[in-house]
Protein backbone atom coordinates (compact mmCIF):
# COMPACT_ATOMS: atom_id res chain seq x y z
CA MET A 1 -6.92 32.43 -5.41
CA GLU A 2 -8.68 35.36 -3.83
CA GLY A 3 -6.71 37.14 -1.12
CA PHE A 4 -3.36 35.62 -2.11
CA GLU A 5 -0.57 36.60 -4.41
CA VAL A 6 0.25 33.74 -6.76
CA ALA A 7 3.79 32.99 -7.93
CA PRO A 8 4.16 31.99 -11.61
CA TYR A 9 5.38 28.56 -10.47
CA PHE A 10 2.11 28.03 -8.56
CA GLU A 11 0.09 28.97 -11.59
CA ARG A 12 1.99 26.48 -13.78
CA ARG A 13 2.34 23.61 -11.31
CA VAL A 14 -0.96 23.80 -9.38
CA LEU A 15 -3.62 25.87 -11.13
CA ASN A 16 -2.86 24.39 -14.55
CA ASN A 17 -2.31 20.84 -13.32
CA PRO A 18 -5.42 18.62 -13.44
CA GLN A 19 -3.88 16.30 -10.83
CA ARG A 20 -3.58 19.13 -8.28
CA VAL A 21 -6.46 21.47 -9.05
CA HIS A 22 -8.71 19.72 -6.47
CA LEU A 23 -6.40 21.06 -3.75
CA ILE A 24 -7.51 24.64 -4.40
CA LEU A 25 -10.49 24.23 -2.06
CA TYR A 26 -8.15 23.59 0.89
CA ILE A 27 -5.18 25.88 0.24
CA ALA A 28 -6.42 29.05 1.99
CA GLU A 29 -7.41 27.15 5.12
CA THR A 30 -4.06 25.36 5.18
CA VAL A 31 -2.13 28.64 5.05
CA ARG A 32 -4.39 30.45 7.53
CA ASP A 33 -4.68 27.63 10.07
CA PRO A 34 -1.89 25.08 9.54
CA GLU A 35 -1.32 22.03 11.70
CA GLU A 36 2.42 22.63 11.37
CA THR A 37 4.74 25.11 9.68
CA GLN A 38 8.41 25.06 8.79
CA ILE A 39 10.64 27.80 7.40
CA GLN A 40 13.00 26.59 4.71
CA SER A 41 16.58 27.85 4.37
CA ASP A 42 15.55 29.94 1.34
CA GLY A 43 12.82 31.72 3.36
CA LYS A 44 9.87 29.86 1.88
CA ILE A 45 7.35 28.58 4.41
CA ARG A 46 5.79 25.11 4.37
CA HIS A 47 2.27 24.75 5.80
CA TRP A 48 0.71 21.33 6.52
CA ARG A 49 -2.88 20.47 7.28
CA TYR A 50 -4.85 17.25 7.35
CA VAL A 51 -7.84 17.35 5.01
CA PRO A 52 -10.46 14.83 6.18
CA GLN A 53 -12.30 14.91 2.84
CA LEU A 54 -9.11 13.77 1.09
CA ARG A 55 -7.87 11.59 3.96
CA TYR A 56 -4.33 12.92 3.76
CA HIS A 57 -2.22 15.97 4.57
CA ILE A 58 -1.53 18.63 2.02
CA ARG A 59 1.52 20.84 2.01
CA VAL A 60 1.30 24.41 0.78
CA THR A 61 4.50 26.34 0.29
CA THR A 62 4.49 30.13 0.29
CA THR A 63 7.26 32.56 -0.49
CA ALA A 64 8.71 34.62 2.36
CA ASP A 65 6.30 37.46 1.46
CA GLY A 66 3.25 35.14 1.51
CA ALA A 67 2.68 34.41 -2.20
CA LEU A 68 1.46 30.91 -2.96
CA PHE A 69 4.33 28.92 -4.46
CA ASN A 70 3.34 25.23 -4.46
CA ALA A 71 0.71 22.81 -3.14
CA HIS A 72 0.48 19.05 -3.22
CA GLU A 73 -0.64 16.04 -1.25
CA ASP A 74 1.99 14.94 1.22
CA SER A 75 1.44 11.24 1.76
CA ASN A 76 4.84 10.93 3.45
CA TYR A 77 3.74 13.43 6.11
CA THR A 78 0.45 11.54 6.53
CA ARG A 79 2.30 8.24 7.00
CA LYS A 80 4.71 9.86 9.46
CA LYS A 81 1.82 11.26 11.52
CA GLY A 82 0.10 7.88 11.49
CA ARG A 83 3.18 6.22 12.94
CA LEU A 84 3.40 8.81 15.72
CA GLU A 85 -0.23 8.49 16.83
């Protein structure tokens, strides 16, 4: 992931996970221009963005210093947004 530090957890759970590797194309954009962000109690930051190509939101979590920590589809967030619109 060019331009980002990568936490070991991210490498194990995202980069080496065939079920999540397709998210890599959308991670940088999600962190740089999120639809919504939330700071967790441990300092990690959650970033959400709707990805039209996938037809759902993804959530990217970064550490407090900006390293990529986790990324996954967030169908619960997508359903929640659908109910609000």
